[in-house]
Protein backbone atom coordinates (compact mmCIF):
# COMPACT_ATOMS: atom_id res chain seq x y z
CA GLN A 1 103.73 125.93 93.15
CA VAL A 2 101.39 124.19 95.50
CA GLN A 3 102.57 120.59 95.88
CA LEU A 4 102.31 117.51 98.12
CA VAL A 5 105.07 114.92 97.80
CA GLU A 6 105.37 111.49 99.43
CA SER A 7 108.61 109.71 99.94
CA GLY A 8 110.19 106.87 101.95
CA GLY A 9 108.55 103.87 100.39
CA GLY A 10 110.46 100.66 99.56
CA LEU A 11 110.76 96.98 99.99
CA VAL A 12 110.83 95.67 103.58
CA GLN A 13 110.57 92.21 105.21
CA PRO A 14 107.56 91.34 107.35
CA GLY A 15 108.06 92.69 110.84
CA GLY A 16 110.16 95.53 109.57
CA SER A 17 109.66 99.32 109.68
CA LEU A 18 109.42 102.21 107.25
CA ARG A 19 108.85 105.93 107.75
CA LEU A 20 107.00 107.78 104.99
CA SER A 21 107.21 111.48 104.54
CA CYS A 22 104.61 113.89 103.22
CA ALA A 23 106.23 117.15 102.34
CA ALA A 24 104.27 120.25 101.34
CA SER A 25 105.49 123.22 99.33
CA GLY A 26 103.49 126.35 98.50
CA PHE A 27 101.25 126.14 101.52
CA ARG A 28 101.36 125.36 105.28
CA LEU A 29 100.58 121.65 105.94
CA ASP A 30 99.69 122.35 109.60
CA SER A 31 96.65 124.41 108.41
CA TYR A 32 94.94 121.22 107.35
CA THR A 33 93.99 117.73 108.41
CA VAL A 34 96.57 115.42 106.77
CA GLY A 35 95.37 111.90 105.93
CA TRP A 36 97.27 108.83 104.82
CA PHE A 37 95.57 106.50 102.46
CA ARG A 38 96.67 103.35 100.63
CA GLN A 39 95.65 101.35 97.61
CA ALA A 40 96.62 97.82 97.02
CA PRO A 41 96.45 96.31 93.49
CA GLY A 42 92.83 95.51 92.57
CA LYS A 43 91.50 97.12 95.79
CA GLU A 44 89.75 100.39 96.75
CA ARG A 45 91.77 103.21 98.22
CA GLU A 46 91.34 103.11 101.98
CA GLY A 47 92.10 105.42 104.79
CA VAL A 48 94.99 104.59 107.14
CA GLY A 49 94.97 107.47 109.62
CA CYS A 50 95.05 111.30 109.88
CA ILE A 51 96.42 114.04 112.01
CA ASN A 52 95.13 117.61 112.72
CA SER A 53 97.09 120.10 114.79
CA LEU A 54 95.15 123.27 114.28
CA ARG A 55 94.58 123.71 117.99
CA TYR A 56 95.95 120.60 119.58
CA THR A 57 97.24 117.49 117.90
CA ARG A 58 94.64 114.73 117.27
CA THR A 59 95.21 111.55 115.42
CA MET A 60 93.06 108.65 114.45
CA TYR A 61 93.82 105.23 112.88
CA VAL A 62 91.91 102.42 111.35
CA ASP A 63 91.77 99.27 113.36
CA SER A 64 94.05 97.33 110.97
CA VAL A 65 97.02 99.57 111.69
CA LYS A 66 96.28 100.72 115.27
CA GLY A 67 99.23 100.07 117.51
CA ARG A 68 101.60 99.63 114.62
CA PHE A 69 101.45 102.98 112.66
CA THR A 70 101.96 106.38 114.06
CA ILE A 71 101.42 109.78 112.42
CA SER A 72 103.49 112.77 113.49
CA ARG A 73 104.45 116.15 112.17
CA ASP A 74 107.47 118.46 111.96
CA PRO A 75 106.33 122.03 111.44
CA ALA A 76 109.84 123.26 110.82
CA LYS A 77 110.04 120.99 107.78
CA ASN A 78 106.49 121.44 106.76
CA THR A 79 106.19 117.63 106.78
CA VAL A 80 104.00 114.94 108.15
CA TYR A 81 105.28 111.39 108.79
CA LEU A 82 103.79 107.96 108.81
CA GLN A 83 105.90 105.66 110.94
CA MET A 84 105.05 102.08 110.13
CA ASN A 85 106.17 99.23 112.42
CA SER A 86 105.56 95.50 112.53
CA LEU A 87 104.78 95.60 108.81
CA LYS A 88 102.65 92.76 107.31
CA PRO A 89 102.40 91.56 103.74
CA GLU A 90 98.79 92.94 103.67
CA ASP A 91 100.25 96.49 104.20
CA THR A 92 101.61 96.36 100.69
CA ALA A 93 100.20 99.20 98.78
CA VAL A 94 100.77 102.53 97.23
CA TYR A 95 100.57 105.09 100.11
CA TYR A 96 99.19 108.63 99.53
CA CYS A 97 98.91 111.64 101.75
CA ALA A 98 96.29 114.22 101.23
CA THR A 99 94.81 117.30 102.93
CA ALA A 100 91.30 118.13 104.13
CA GLN A 101 89.48 120.82 105.87
CA TRP A 102 87.96 118.61 108.49
CA PHE A 103 89.17 115.83 110.85
CA GLY A 104 88.44 112.34 109.70
CA LEU A 105 89.02 109.72 107.02
CA ASP A 106 86.08 110.53 104.71
CA ARG A 107 87.75 110.54 101.33
CA THR A 108 85.31 113.07 99.98
CA ASN A 109 86.74 115.67 102.39
CA TYR A 110 90.22 115.41 100.83
CA ASP A 111 90.93 117.69 97.96
CA ARG A 112 94.72 117.80 97.55
CA TRP A 113 96.64 114.59 96.97
CA GLY A 114 100.33 113.57 96.48
CA GLN A 115 101.54 111.18 93.83
CA GLY A 116 101.96 108.18 96.07
CA THR A 117 104.83 106.08 97.18
CA GLN A 118 105.11 102.27 96.89
CA VAL A 119 105.45 100.11 100.01
CA THR A 120 106.11 96.39 99.51
CA VAL A 121 106.24 94.05 102.41
CA SER A 122 107.62 90.67 101.36
CA SER A 123 110.01 87.95 102.50
């Protein structure tokens, strides 16, 4: 079965770190752009960053997470990671990974989504 599953969410204190995983089954994740998105309660789903390694590895991040979050990949595990450092309360959201044909964070380009994992940043 074709599936995309996020894991690694949890409760952390401000300034702490979490690493989220996006694991694919039934298809090769490195054949696609993989994006991370998040949705806070009462807010629109927004892009966080994405990675594409079809020829060489490219990443991009929105300004609000730049310098704090890093996306990486492990082809052997068919998994993409979102390393989140220096977490802030405003990072609290359900985090989703998704795949797209083209590089970028235009949500309309993403057609396969995981179920999401909750990240809560609170003291």
